[in-house]
Amino acid sequence: MRMKKKIYLNSMVTKILAVVTFGLLCGILMVTVIIISISKSVFVDTYGESQKKVFFRIENELNSYHEDLMKLFNQVNSSWNLKLYLQQENSNPQQAFKIAYSADQDMKKAIPSSMDDISVMAVSKSGGSYLDREERIITPVNEIMESEEAKYAMENPETAHYVLKDSGYTSTTRDVPVLMAVKALRSPGSVTPYGVAYVTLKEKDFKEYYDYFTSDYAEFYLADEAGIVISSSDKESLGEKVPDKNPHTSITLEKELPYYKCTAYGIIDSKKALEDLYNVPMIVAICVTVMAVTGIIIFYFVSQTAKPLSEMVDKMSNAGETKYDEHINLTGSKEIEELSRTYNAMLDEMNRYIEELMTSQKEKRKAEISALQMQINPHYIYNTLASIKWLIFQGNVERSTKTIDAFISLLRNTISNTDEYIPIDKEIENLKNYVLINNTRYGDKIQVEYFVTFGCEEYRIPKMILQPFVENAFFHAFPYGAEGSIKILVRTLGGRLQIQIIDNGIGIPDEQLSELHEKNGKAQHYSGIGIKNVDDRLKLLYGSAYGIRVESREHEGTTVTISVPADK
């Protein structure tokens, strides 16, 4: 075993394959290292710096947005018409319409055209409310005034407060996250707020201010004073703390936004960005080139070396079709020639063993069949001679002569004829001779009928497999001189030859029926020769799928079914 393993490891094919594999791996590794090195340099020197500039540009835009909001809040605060609209009481319809129209005009002038994606809402402590869009406020005013952001604005009227909520107070923002800027409303010269103004922007619309910074490997986060994310390109982080990133695989940009009382974070996944910067086509092209050049150099040598081995594999794959009787004669490397010689020697040894085994099995089978016949023949001859003896004792010369002629015919067809197989019609003739002998001795109380399907006469069966069952039916199915009948049916069924011996005798009790299938088993109905002997004979000749089946009911009769191949 060690020697064979050593030869295999030192073979030329193995060495070539090892060199090729090692060369290809080295080439791929070299190209990968070069590409990664170039990508890192480009990313650190170029991409990282450009993203920083983009990040600081976002700061300027957010500050500009805040300045625009403060201007808007100042104009909302200075609108006397809006205050009258929010606090009007007992106004007649004409006056109320005029106030509402004037307040709406003031709001249109206050809101710049560049901020058309926002909505302005104002509520007062007296329960009044205003909304600049054609939608409705779905939250009661008193609940809005009791909210945390409204209370904070009323307590800090000088500043604007930004807050992220899961849903807004209007019909179009009820199910979407919103970013609200909240500031108290005070009349000019007054120190006491009379209400609260809300500038609402859907969180998805607020992303437009930083969307150009984000990508598959760059995320933007806007967090409040508590570090809670109020807007981000990463939806899963909303309402959560800013996620910690690995400093070895990412770059974190941070900038405080004092107007918002928030901090902006830009987190760049340098590892993922580096992977995206790989020039995959170039890597593939280099790898393919290396593999192609290496393959061309060694292809001819490997093919010439491995060709005999492939031929040997093909012949070994087809060995079953040639019954392992075709030698392989190959030339090539030392290993191939040695393998070819060893394989041929193995075939010769295997064929010799198979031939010896088949010869041994044939001899064993013949011996077993002969032993079974030796058990059947003496028993058959003994009973036949006993019947003739009884006829002579009675002094019936004519019937004795017919019986002796029948017996001679039986001996000629059974003992003198050494053929193991005989046609159905010959076996039926033997049965008729046997029945004649028995009817001569015991009378004609038992009638035997033969039904052979047309075309079955020439089928061949083992000699003397029917007589033992007819004999036992004669002597044990009809005790005390009872009358009855025995039917012999021969037909083909499902590609098999089926022979049935059916009697209407006393039948077999269940406990005795099970004894028939025991080795050399005997029962009252089948004494003298066991059914197992005949069944074993059939299985030796044809296989376990064939044999004998006995079915019987007490006082109703017995049916013996013999199944053999339908061979002529």
Protein backbone atom coordinates (compact mmCIF):
# COMPACT_ATOMS: atom_id res chain seq x y z
CA MET A 1 0.00 0.00 0.00
CA ARG A 2 2.83 2.41 0.86
CA MET A 3 4.68 1.58 -2.34
CA LYS A 4 1.60 2.24 -4.48
CA LYS A 5 1.03 5.56 -2.74
CA LYS A 6 4.64 6.58 -3.27
CA ILE A 7 4.49 5.73 -6.99
CA TYR A 8 1.33 7.80 -7.37
CA LEU A 9 2.79 10.84 -5.59
CA ASN A 10 5.99 10.67 -7.67
CA SER A 11 4.23 10.21 -11.00
CA MET A 12 4.80 12.68 -13.83
CA VAL A 13 1.12 13.59 -14.11
CA THR A 14 0.93 14.50 -10.44
CA LYS A 15 4.03 16.67 -10.64
CA ILE A 16 2.75 18.50 -13.71
CA LEU A 17 -0.63 19.14 -12.15
CA ALA A 18 1.03 20.40 -8.96
CA VAL A 19 3.28 22.81 -10.89
CA VAL A 20 0.36 24.11 -12.97
CA THR A 21 -1.84 24.65 -9.92
CA PHE A 22 0.93 26.40 -8.02
CA GLY A 23 1.75 28.66 -10.98
CA LEU A 24 -1.87 29.67 -11.50
CA LEU A 25 -2.35 30.43 -7.82
CA CYS A 26 0.82 32.53 -7.72
CA GLY A 27 -0.30 34.50 -10.77
CA ILE A 28 -3.75 35.16 -9.37
CA LEU A 29 -2.31 36.18 -6.00
CA MET A 30 0.18 38.55 -7.60
CA VAL A 31 -2.50 40.26 -9.69
CA THR A 32 -4.81 40.56 -6.68
CA VAL A 33 -2.12 42.18 -4.51
CA ILE A 34 -1.30 44.71 -7.24
CA ILE A 35 -4.94 45.64 -7.80
CA ILE A 36 -5.64 46.04 -4.08
CA SER A 37 -2.57 48.22 -3.64
CA ILE A 38 -3.59 50.49 -6.51
CA SER A 39 -7.19 50.66 -5.28
CA LYS A 40 -6.15 51.66 -1.76
CA SER A 41 -3.98 54.45 -3.06
CA VAL A 42 -6.75 55.82 -5.30
CA PHE A 43 -9.33 55.59 -2.56
CA VAL A 44 -7.26 57.27 0.20
CA ASP A 45 -5.85 60.04 -1.96
CA THR A 46 -8.83 60.84 -4.16
CA TYR A 47 -12.16 59.43 -3.12
CA GLY A 48 -11.82 60.13 0.61
CA GLU A 49 -10.93 63.79 0.03
CA SER A 50 -13.76 64.29 -2.44
CA GLN A 51 -16.29 62.87 0.01
CA LYS A 52 -15.09 65.26 2.70
CA LYS A 53 -15.78 68.21 0.42
CA VAL A 54 -19.25 66.87 -0.30
CA PHE A 55 -19.90 66.43 3.41
CA PHE A 56 -18.98 70.03 4.25
CA ARG A 57 -21.14 71.21 1.38
CA ILE A 58 -24.09 69.52 3.08
CA GLU A 59 -23.35 71.57 6.20
CA ASN A 60 -23.65 74.78 4.23
CA GLU A 61 -26.93 73.69 2.65
CA LEU A 62 -28.41 72.69 6.00
CA ASN A 63 -27.37 76.03 7.50
CA SER A 64 -28.99 77.80 4.56
CA TYR A 65 -32.16 75.76 5.14
CA HIS A 66 -32.13 76.83 8.80
CA GLU A 67 -31.70 80.48 7.87
CA ASP A 68 -34.64 80.23 5.48
CA LEU A 69 -36.75 78.68 8.24
CA MET A 70 -35.86 81.43 10.69
CA LYS A 71 -36.90 84.03 8.12
CA LEU A 72 -40.13 82.14 7.64
CA PHE A 73 -40.78 81.98 11.39
CA ASN A 74 -40.11 85.74 11.72
CA GLN A 75 -42.63 86.55 8.98
CA VAL A 76 -45.17 84.17 10.51
CA ASN A 77 -44.61 85.87 13.88
CA SER A 78 -45.08 89.31 12.37
CA SER A 79 -48.36 88.44 10.63
CA TRP A 80 -51.11 90.26 12.52
CA ASN A 81 -53.71 88.67 10.28
CA LEU A 82 -52.55 85.17 11.29
CA LYS A 83 -52.83 86.09 14.96
CA LEU A 84 -56.37 87.43 14.42
CA TYR A 85 -57.28 84.26 12.51
CA LEU A 86 -56.00 82.01 15.30
CA GLN A 87 -57.62 84.03 18.12
CA GLN A 88 -60.81 85.40 16.50
CA GLU A 89 -63.94 85.07 18.58
CA ASN A 90 -67.55 85.93 17.73
CA SER A 91 -66.59 87.30 14.31
CA ASN A 92 -69.30 87.59 11.69
CA PRO A 93 -68.86 85.41 8.55
CA GLN A 94 -67.84 88.31 6.33
CA GLN A 95 -65.19 89.51 8.75
CA ALA A 96 -63.94 85.95 9.38
CA PHE A 97 -63.56 85.34 5.64
CA LYS A 98 -61.61 88.56 5.23
CA ILE A 99 -59.25 87.68 8.08
CA ALA A 100 -58.71 84.15 6.72
CA TYR A 101 -57.97 85.47 3.25
CA SER A 102 -55.51 88.04 4.58
CA ALA A 103 -53.74 85.44 6.73
CA ASP A 104 -53.44 83.11 3.75
CA GLN A 105 -51.94 85.87 1.62
CA ASP A 106 -49.40 86.63 4.36
CA MET A 107 -48.37 82.94 4.45
CA LYS A 108 -47.95 82.76 0.68
CA LYS A 109 -45.61 85.73 0.83
CA ALA A 110 -43.72 84.28 3.78
CA ILE A 111 -43.04 80.84 2.28
CA PRO A 112 -40.30 81.00 -0.42
CA SER A 113 -40.89 79.12 -3.68
CA SER A 114 -37.76 77.03 -3.09
CA MET A 115 -39.43 75.42 -0.05
CA ASP A 116 -42.56 74.10 -1.72
CA ASP A 117 -42.12 70.65 -0.13
CA ILE A 118 -42.78 71.93 3.41
CA SER A 119 -46.09 72.55 5.15
CA VAL A 120 -46.69 75.37 7.68
CA MET A 121 -49.08 74.80 10.55
CA ALA A 122 -49.92 77.20 13.37
CA VAL A 123 -51.99 76.47 16.49
CA SER A 124 -52.95 78.77 19.39
CA LYS A 125 -53.67 78.27 23.03
CA SER A 126 -57.25 79.38 22.36
CA GLY A 127 -57.81 76.40 20.06
CA GLY A 128 -57.41 78.07 16.67
CA SER A 129 -55.42 76.40 13.89
CA TYR A 130 -54.06 77.23 10.44
CA LEU A 131 -52.60 75.01 7.69
CA ASP A 132 -51.21 76.39 4.43
CA ARG A 133 -52.10 73.29 2.38
CA GLU A 134 -55.44 71.90 1.20
CA GLU A 135 -55.57 69.14 3.74
CA ARG A 136 -56.81 68.80 7.26
CA ILE A 137 -55.30 68.60 10.72
CA ILE A 138 -56.23 65.18 12.16
CA THR A 139 -54.94 65.74 15.73
CA PRO A 140 -56.94 67.88 18.15
CA VAL A 141 -55.30 71.30 18.83
CA ASN A 142 -55.21 70.74 22.56
CA GLU A 143 -53.22 67.52 22.08
CA ILE A 144 -50.77 69.35 19.82
CA MET A 145 -50.29 72.08 22.41
CA GLU A 146 -49.67 69.41 25.07
CA SER A 147 -46.94 67.68 23.02
CA GLU A 148 -43.35 67.77 24.28
CA GLU A 149 -42.06 69.81 21.34
CA ALA A 150 -44.84 72.43 21.80
CA LYS A 151 -44.12 72.74 25.51
CA TYR A 152 -40.40 73.11 24.79
CA ALA A 153 -41.11 75.85 22.23
CA MET A 154 -43.39 77.75 24.64
CA GLU A 155 -40.68 77.58 27.33
CA ASN A 156 -37.92 78.63 24.90
CA PRO A 157 -39.61 81.12 22.56
CA GLU A 158 -36.35 82.55 21.22
CA THR A 159 -35.15 79.34 19.52
CA ALA A 160 -36.39 76.93 16.89
CA HIS A 161 -36.47 73.30 17.90
CA TYR A 162 -36.08 70.32 15.50
CA VAL A 163 -37.72 66.99 16.27
CA LEU A 164 -38.24 63.68 14.41
CA LYS A 165 -41.65 62.02 14.80
CA ASP A 166 -42.98 58.75 13.43
CA SER A 167 -46.00 60.58 11.95
CA GLY A 168 -47.24 64.12 11.47
CA TYR A 169 -50.42 65.89 12.53
CA THR A 170 -51.98 66.24 9.05
CA SER A 171 -53.84 63.85 6.78
CA THR A 172 -50.89 63.46 4.36
CA THR A 173 -48.30 62.84 7.06
CA ARG A 174 -50.22 60.56 9.43
CA ASP A 175 -48.29 57.41 8.43
CA VAL A 176 -44.84 58.70 7.45
CA PRO A 177 -41.83 59.91 9.48
CA VAL A 178 -41.51 63.71 9.50
CA LEU A 179 -38.88 66.25 10.56
CA MET A 180 -40.52 69.22 12.32
CA ALA A 181 -39.12 72.67 13.07
CA VAL A 182 -41.10 74.11 16.01
CA LYS A 183 -41.07 77.71 17.31
CA ALA A 184 -43.31 79.69 19.62
CA LEU A 185 -45.55 82.46 18.18
CA ARG A 186 -45.35 85.91 19.86
CA SER A 187 -46.78 89.21 18.82
CA PRO A 188 -44.21 91.94 18.22
CA GLY A 189 -43.32 93.54 21.57
CA SER A 190 -44.94 90.71 23.55
CA VAL A 191 -43.00 88.28 25.76
CA THR A 192 -45.84 85.77 26.16
CA PRO A 193 -46.35 83.26 23.32
CA TYR A 194 -49.90 82.83 22.09
CA GLY A 195 -49.28 79.69 20.04
CA VAL A 196 -46.83 77.44 18.22
CA ALA A 197 -45.77 77.29 14.54
CA TYR A 198 -44.77 74.00 12.89
CA VAL A 199 -42.78 73.69 9.69
CA THR A 200 -43.14 70.03 8.67
CA LEU A 201 -40.98 68.25 6.13
CA LYS A 202 -41.33 64.58 5.33
CA GLU A 203 -38.20 62.76 6.36
CA LYS A 204 -37.83 61.29 2.86
CA ASP A 205 -37.93 64.83 1.39
CA PHE A 206 -35.31 66.05 3.85
CA LYS A 207 -32.95 63.46 2.40
CA GLU A 208 -32.63 65.56 -0.73
CA TYR A 209 -30.26 67.82 1.21
CA TYR A 210 -27.73 65.03 1.63
CA ASP A 211 -28.77 62.34 -0.83
CA TYR A 212 -25.91 63.05 -3.23
CA PHE A 213 -23.46 62.17 -0.46
CA THR A 214 -24.90 58.73 0.20
CA SER A 215 -24.10 55.60 -1.80
CA ASP A 216 -23.76 51.86 -1.31
CA TYR A 217 -20.76 52.51 0.92
CA ALA A 218 -21.46 55.99 2.42
CA GLU A 219 -24.20 56.75 4.96
CA PHE A 220 -25.35 60.12 6.41
CA TYR A 221 -26.76 60.56 9.93
CA LEU A 222 -28.28 63.63 11.61
CA ALA A 223 -28.48 63.15 15.38
CA ASP A 224 -29.96 65.38 18.10
CA GLU A 225 -28.28 66.43 21.37
CA ALA A 226 -29.01 63.00 22.90
CA GLY A 227 -27.32 61.24 20.00
CA ILE A 228 -30.62 59.94 18.58
CA VAL A 229 -30.80 59.80 14.78
CA ILE A 230 -33.56 62.07 13.46
CA SER A 231 -32.74 61.68 9.75
CA SER A 232 -30.55 59.26 7.88
CA SER A 233 -30.02 57.42 4.61
CA ASP A 234 -30.08 54.27 6.75
CA LYS A 235 -33.78 53.78 7.55
CA GLU A 236 -33.12 51.17 10.23
CA SER A 237 -31.16 53.69 12.33
CA LEU A 238 -34.02 56.24 12.69
CA GLY A 239 -34.79 56.78 16.34
CA GLU A 240 -31.66 54.85 17.37
CA LYS A 241 -28.14 55.82 18.40
CA VAL A 242 -25.60 56.53 15.67
CA PRO A 243 -24.04 53.12 14.93
CA ASP A 244 -20.41 52.53 15.82
CA LYS A 245 -18.15 51.65 12.91
CA ASN A 246 -14.82 49.87 12.81
CA PRO A 247 -12.11 52.58 12.42
CA HIS A 248 -9.95 50.11 10.49
CA THR A 249 -12.57 49.57 7.77
CA SER A 250 -14.41 52.93 7.70
CA ILE A 251 -13.91 56.70 7.74
CA THR A 252 -16.13 58.83 10.02
CA LEU A 253 -16.80 62.52 9.27
CA GLU A 254 -18.42 64.63 12.04
CA LYS A 255 -19.73 68.21 12.13
CA GLU A 256 -21.79 70.02 14.73
CA LEU A 257 -24.79 72.03 13.51
CA PRO A 258 -25.47 74.54 16.33
CA TYR A 259 -28.56 76.02 14.68
CA TYR A 260 -30.23 72.60 14.71
CA LYS A 261 -28.66 71.58 18.03
CA CYS A 262 -27.68 68.45 16.08
CA THR A 263 -24.56 66.74 14.84
CA ALA A 264 -24.06 65.48 11.28
CA TYR A 265 -22.13 62.27 10.70
CA GLY A 266 -20.80 60.87 7.45
CA ILE A 267 -19.62 57.27 7.66
CA ILE A 268 -17.78 55.84 4.67
CA ASP A 269 -17.25 52.08 4.50
CA SER A 270 -13.75 52.12 3.07
CA LYS A 271 -13.60 48.35 2.79
CA LYS A 272 -16.76 48.15 0.71
CA ALA A 273 -15.74 51.18 -1.33
CA LEU A 274 -12.42 49.54 -2.02
CA GLU A 275 -14.17 46.39 -3.22
CA ASP A 276 -16.32 48.46 -5.58
CA LEU A 277 -13.26 50.21 -6.91
CA TYR A 278 -11.75 46.94 -8.08
CA ASN A 279 -11.40 46.76 -11.83
CA VAL A 280 -13.04 43.38 -12.15
CA PRO A 281 -12.71 43.09 -15.94
CA MET A 282 -9.01 43.83 -15.70
CA ILE A 283 -8.54 41.26 -12.95
CA VAL A 284 -10.42 38.67 -14.98
CA ALA A 285 -8.41 39.52 -18.10
CA ILE A 286 -5.09 39.17 -16.27
CA CYS A 287 -6.10 35.90 -14.64
CA VAL A 288 -7.36 34.47 -17.92
CA THR A 289 -4.16 35.53 -19.67
CA VAL A 290 -1.97 33.89 -17.05
CA MET A 291 -4.02 30.72 -17.14
CA ALA A 292 -4.09 30.64 -20.95
CA VAL A 293 -0.31 31.12 -21.34
CA THR A 294 0.42 28.49 -18.70
CA GLY A 295 -2.10 26.10 -20.20
CA ILE A 296 -0.67 26.44 -23.73
CA ILE A 297 2.84 25.73 -22.51
CA ILE A 298 1.96 22.50 -20.74
CA PHE A 299 -1.09 21.36 -22.72
CA TYR A 300 0.74 19.20 -25.23
CA PHE A 301 2.92 17.53 -22.61
CA VAL A 302 0.00 16.82 -20.26
CA SER A 303 -2.25 15.54 -23.05
CA GLN A 304 0.39 13.11 -24.29
CA THR A 305 1.01 11.85 -20.78
CA ALA A 306 -2.63 11.54 -19.78
CA LYS A 307 -3.95 10.11 -23.06
CA PRO A 308 -3.14 6.45 -22.23
CA LEU A 309 -4.73 6.92 -18.82
CA SER A 310 -7.94 8.22 -20.43
CA GLU A 311 -8.01 5.22 -22.78
CA MET A 312 -7.61 2.91 -19.83
CA VAL A 313 -10.46 4.60 -17.94
CA ASP A 314 -12.72 4.21 -20.99
CA LYS A 315 -11.96 0.51 -21.34
CA MET A 316 -12.40 -0.08 -17.62
CA SER A 317 -15.78 1.71 -17.77
CA ASN A 318 -16.92 -0.69 -20.51
CA ALA A 319 -15.52 -3.77 -18.79
CA GLY A 320 -18.99 -4.83 -17.67
CA GLU A 321 -20.23 -4.97 -21.25
CA THR A 322 -17.31 -7.22 -22.28
CA LYS A 323 -17.87 -9.41 -19.21
CA TYR A 324 -14.43 -8.49 -17.86
CA ASP A 325 -12.78 -10.55 -20.58
CA GLU A 326 -10.92 -7.88 -22.57
CA HIS A 327 -7.31 -7.08 -21.75
CA ILE A 328 -5.85 -3.56 -21.86
CA ASN A 329 -2.56 -3.10 -23.72
CA LEU A 330 -1.28 0.46 -23.34
CA THR A 331 2.08 2.10 -23.89
CA GLY A 332 3.28 5.29 -22.28
CA SER A 333 4.85 6.21 -18.98
CA LYS A 334 6.09 3.60 -16.57
CA GLU A 335 3.10 4.10 -14.34
CA ILE A 336 0.62 3.51 -17.17
CA GLU A 337 2.32 0.32 -18.35
CA GLU A 338 2.51 -1.07 -14.81
CA LEU A 339 -1.14 -0.23 -14.20
CA SER A 340 -2.13 -1.93 -17.47
CA ARG A 341 -0.25 -5.14 -16.56
CA THR A 342 -1.73 -5.19 -13.07
CA TYR A 343 -5.26 -4.70 -14.41
CA ASN A 344 -4.87 -7.56 -16.92
CA ALA A 345 -3.55 -9.88 -14.19
CA MET A 346 -6.50 -8.93 -12.01
CA LEU A 347 -8.95 -9.76 -14.83
CA ASP A 348 -7.34 -13.18 -15.39
CA GLU A 349 -7.46 -14.00 -11.69
CA MET A 350 -11.07 -12.82 -11.35
CA ASN A 351 -12.23 -14.83 -14.39
CA ARG A 352 -10.49 -17.94 -13.12
CA TYR A 353 -12.17 -17.53 -9.74
CA ILE A 354 -15.60 -16.96 -11.33
CA GLU A 355 -15.22 -20.06 -13.52
CA GLU A 356 -14.27 -22.20 -10.54
CA LEU A 357 -17.16 -20.79 -8.52
CA MET A 358 -19.70 -21.45 -11.31
CA THR A 359 -18.42 -25.03 -11.75
CA SER A 360 -18.68 -25.61 -8.02
CA GLN A 361 -22.19 -24.20 -7.89
CA LYS A 362 -23.33 -26.36 -10.83
CA GLU A 363 -21.99 -29.50 -9.17
CA LYS A 364 -23.59 -28.57 -5.89
CA ARG A 365 -26.92 -27.93 -7.61
CA LYS A 366 -26.83 -31.27 -9.42
CA ALA A 367 -26.03 -33.07 -6.19
CA GLU A 368 -28.92 -31.40 -4.35
CA ILE A 369 -31.40 -32.15 -7.14
CA SER A 370 -30.21 -35.76 -7.30
CA ALA A 371 -30.63 -36.11 -3.55
CA LEU A 372 -34.20 -34.83 -3.79
CA GLN A 373 -35.03 -37.23 -6.60
CA MET A 374 -33.63 -40.12 -4.57
CA GLN A 375 -36.14 -39.23 -1.87
CA ILE A 376 -39.03 -39.18 -4.36
CA ASN A 377 -38.28 -42.21 -6.61
CA PRO A 378 -38.10 -44.98 -3.96
CA HIS A 379 -41.30 -43.76 -2.39
CA TYR A 380 -43.09 -43.76 -5.77
CA ILE A 381 -41.84 -47.25 -6.74
CA TYR A 382 -42.71 -48.67 -3.34
CA ASN A 383 -46.36 -47.61 -3.50
CA THR A 384 -46.75 -48.73 -7.11
CA LEU A 385 -45.39 -52.23 -6.41
CA ALA A 386 -47.67 -52.47 -3.39
CA SER A 387 -50.66 -51.80 -5.66
CA ILE A 388 -49.61 -54.48 -8.21
CA LYS A 389 -49.05 -56.98 -5.39
CA TRP A 390 -52.60 -56.43 -4.22
CA LEU A 391 -54.00 -57.03 -7.74
CA ILE A 392 -52.13 -60.31 -8.11
CA PHE A 393 -53.34 -61.35 -4.70
CA GLN A 394 -56.92 -60.78 -5.90
CA GLY A 395 -56.30 -63.04 -8.92
CA ASN A 396 -57.52 -60.57 -11.52
CA VAL A 397 -55.24 -61.49 -14.44
CA GLU A 398 -56.60 -59.01 -17.00
CA ARG A 399 -56.44 -56.02 -14.74
CA SER A 400 -53.13 -57.22 -13.37
CA THR A 401 -51.75 -57.27 -16.90
CA LYS A 402 -53.02 -53.75 -17.63
CA THR A 403 -51.59 -52.57 -14.36
CA ILE A 404 -48.19 -54.18 -15.06
CA ASP A 405 -48.18 -52.55 -18.55
CA ALA A 406 -48.96 -49.22 -16.95
CA PHE A 407 -46.20 -49.77 -14.39
CA ILE A 408 -43.68 -50.70 -17.12
CA SER A 409 -44.60 -47.49 -18.94
CA LEU A 410 -44.12 -45.57 -15.74
CA LEU A 411 -40.69 -47.11 -15.15
CA ARG A 412 -39.67 -46.40 -18.72
CA ASN A 413 -40.72 -42.75 -18.50
CA THR A 414 -39.44 -42.06 -15.02
CA ILE A 415 -36.45 -44.23 -14.20
CA SER A 416 -35.14 -45.35 -17.58
CA ASN A 417 -35.60 -41.85 -19.08
CA THR A 418 -32.73 -39.83 -17.61
CA ASP A 419 -34.04 -36.53 -18.90
CA GLU A 420 -34.58 -34.08 -16.06
CA TYR A 421 -37.40 -32.31 -17.91
CA ILE A 422 -40.33 -33.84 -19.80
CA PRO A 423 -43.32 -32.28 -21.70
CA ILE A 424 -46.63 -31.73 -19.96
CA ASP A 425 -48.38 -34.35 -22.10
CA LYS A 426 -45.81 -37.00 -21.06
CA GLU A 427 -46.25 -36.11 -17.37
CA ILE A 428 -50.04 -36.35 -17.78
CA GLU A 429 -49.58 -39.79 -19.41
CA ASN A 430 -47.57 -40.93 -16.39
CA LEU A 431 -50.32 -39.67 -14.08
CA LYS A 432 -52.97 -41.55 -16.03
CA ASN A 433 -50.95 -44.78 -15.68
CA TYR A 434 -50.59 -44.18 -11.99
CA VAL A 435 -54.31 -43.46 -11.58
CA LEU A 436 -55.10 -46.66 -13.49
CA ILE A 437 -53.03 -48.66 -11.01
CA ASN A 438 -54.75 -47.04 -8.02
CA ASN A 439 -58.27 -47.40 -9.47
CA THR A 440 -57.55 -51.06 -10.14
CA ARG A 441 -56.59 -51.56 -6.54
CA TYR A 442 -59.14 -49.39 -4.75
CA GLY A 443 -61.98 -49.09 -7.19
CA ASP A 444 -63.32 -46.19 -9.16
CA LYS A 445 -64.67 -44.13 -6.28
CA ILE A 446 -62.11 -41.41 -6.95
CA GLN A 447 -62.38 -39.82 -10.38
CA VAL A 448 -59.46 -37.88 -11.89
CA GLU A 449 -60.06 -35.26 -14.59
CA TYR A 450 -57.45 -33.51 -16.70
CA PHE A 451 -57.81 -29.98 -18.10
CA VAL A 452 -54.82 -28.89 -20.17
CA THR A 453 -55.13 -25.52 -21.93
CA PHE A 454 -54.48 -25.75 -25.64
CA GLY A 455 -50.84 -24.97 -26.40
CA CYS A 456 -49.54 -26.05 -22.98
CA GLU A 457 -48.85 -29.67 -23.98
CA GLU A 458 -45.31 -28.93 -25.15
CA TYR A 459 -44.20 -26.94 -22.10
CA ARG A 460 -41.49 -28.84 -20.21
CA ILE A 461 -41.47 -29.34 -16.47
CA PRO A 462 -39.24 -31.31 -14.04
CA LYS A 463 -40.08 -35.00 -14.08
CA MET A 464 -42.22 -36.46 -11.28
CA ILE A 465 -43.36 -33.27 -9.57
CA LEU A 466 -47.12 -33.99 -9.91
CA GLN A 467 -47.35 -37.65 -8.90
CA PRO A 468 -46.57 -37.15 -5.17
CA PHE A 469 -49.51 -34.74 -4.77
CA VAL A 470 -51.96 -36.96 -6.66
CA GLU A 471 -50.79 -39.92 -4.58
CA ASN A 472 -51.36 -38.14 -1.30
CA ALA A 473 -54.78 -36.94 -2.44
CA PHE A 474 -55.72 -40.57 -3.20
CA PHE A 475 -54.68 -41.96 0.15
CA HIS A 476 -55.40 -39.12 2.57
CA ALA A 477 -58.01 -36.77 1.12
CA PHE A 478 -60.65 -39.54 0.90
CA PRO A 479 -60.33 -41.85 3.92
CA TYR A 480 -62.50 -44.90 4.59
CA GLY A 481 -63.36 -45.47 0.93
CA ALA A 482 -65.02 -42.09 0.47
CA GLU A 483 -65.93 -40.94 -3.00
CA GLY A 484 -64.48 -37.80 -4.56
CA SER A 485 -62.75 -36.18 -7.48
CA ILE A 486 -59.34 -34.85 -8.32
CA LYS A 487 -58.86 -32.20 -11.03
CA ILE A 488 -55.57 -31.49 -12.80
CA LEU A 489 -55.56 -27.97 -14.35
CA VAL A 490 -52.71 -26.73 -16.56
CA ARG A 491 -52.60 -23.18 -17.95
CA THR A 492 -50.34 -20.13 -18.44
CA LEU A 493 -50.78 -17.08 -16.22
CA GLY A 494 -48.69 -13.91 -16.27
CA GLY A 495 -45.93 -15.51 -18.34
CA ARG A 496 -45.73 -18.53 -16.01
CA LEU A 497 -46.92 -22.10 -16.26
CA GLN A 498 -49.44 -22.85 -13.50
CA ILE A 499 -50.44 -26.38 -12.55
CA GLN A 500 -53.15 -27.02 -9.95
CA ILE A 501 -54.12 -30.33 -8.25
CA ILE A 502 -57.58 -29.77 -6.74
CA ASP A 503 -59.46 -32.30 -4.60
CA ASN A 504 -62.78 -32.10 -2.76
CA GLY A 505 -61.62 -34.26 0.13
CA ILE A 506 -61.55 -33.70 3.86
CA GLY A 507 -59.07 -30.80 3.70
CA ILE A 508 -56.24 -30.02 6.10
CA PRO A 509 -56.56 -28.44 9.56
CA ASP A 510 -54.75 -25.12 9.97
CA GLU A 511 -52.17 -26.44 12.41
CA GLN A 512 -51.26 -29.32 10.07
CA LEU A 513 -51.17 -27.01 7.03
CA SER A 514 -48.34 -24.98 8.60
CA GLU A 515 -46.31 -28.21 9.07
CA LEU A 516 -46.25 -28.81 5.33
CA HIS A 517 -43.89 -25.87 4.83
CA GLU A 518 -41.34 -27.03 7.37
CA LYS A 519 -38.15 -28.71 6.24
CA ASN A 520 -39.06 -32.34 5.43
CA GLY A 521 -42.36 -31.56 7.13
CA LYS A 522 -45.13 -34.14 7.14
CA ALA A 523 -48.80 -33.90 7.90
CA GLN A 524 -51.62 -36.39 7.94
CA HIS A 525 -52.76 -35.32 4.49
CA TYR A 526 -49.26 -35.50 2.95
CA SER A 527 -47.44 -38.32 4.64
CA GLY A 528 -44.47 -40.19 3.23
CA ILE A 529 -42.78 -37.42 1.30
CA GLY A 530 -42.60 -33.80 2.46
CA ILE A 531 -43.92 -31.01 0.26
CA LYS A 532 -40.78 -29.06 1.16
CA ASN A 533 -38.66 -31.50 -0.88
CA VAL A 534 -40.52 -30.79 -4.10
CA ASP A 535 -40.61 -27.06 -3.35
CA ASP A 536 -36.84 -27.04 -2.74
CA ARG A 537 -36.29 -28.86 -6.03
CA LEU A 538 -38.22 -26.21 -7.96
CA LYS A 539 -36.41 -23.35 -6.23
CA LEU A 540 -33.04 -24.93 -7.00
CA LEU A 541 -34.02 -25.22 -10.67
CA TYR A 542 -35.76 -21.87 -11.21
CA GLY A 543 -35.12 -19.59 -8.26
CA SER A 544 -37.01 -18.41 -5.19
CA ALA A 545 -39.77 -16.74 -7.24
CA TYR A 546 -41.16 -20.18 -8.17
CA GLY A 547 -42.39 -23.13 -6.13
CA ILE A 548 -45.49 -24.60 -4.50
CA ARG A 549 -48.41 -23.07 -2.63
CA VAL A 550 -50.94 -25.19 -0.67
CA GLU A 551 -54.41 -23.84 0.18
CA SER A 552 -56.92 -25.87 2.13
CA ARG A 553 -60.02 -25.67 4.29
CA GLU A 554 -61.14 -28.45 6.54
CA HIS A 555 -64.06 -30.47 5.05
CA GLU A 556 -63.89 -28.39 1.82
CA GLY A 557 -60.84 -29.74 -0.01
CA THR A 558 -57.26 -28.85 -0.90
CA THR A 559 -55.63 -26.98 -3.80
CA VAL A 560 -51.94 -27.38 -4.61
CA THR A 561 -50.60 -24.73 -7.02
CA ILE A 562 -47.27 -25.33 -8.77
CA SER A 563 -45.63 -22.33 -10.48
CA VAL A 564 -42.75 -22.78 -12.94
CA PRO A 565 -41.47 -20.82 -15.97
CA ALA A 566 -43.32 -21.39 -19.24
CA ASP A 567 -40.44 -23.00 -21.18
CA LYS A 568 -40.65 -25.33 -24.19
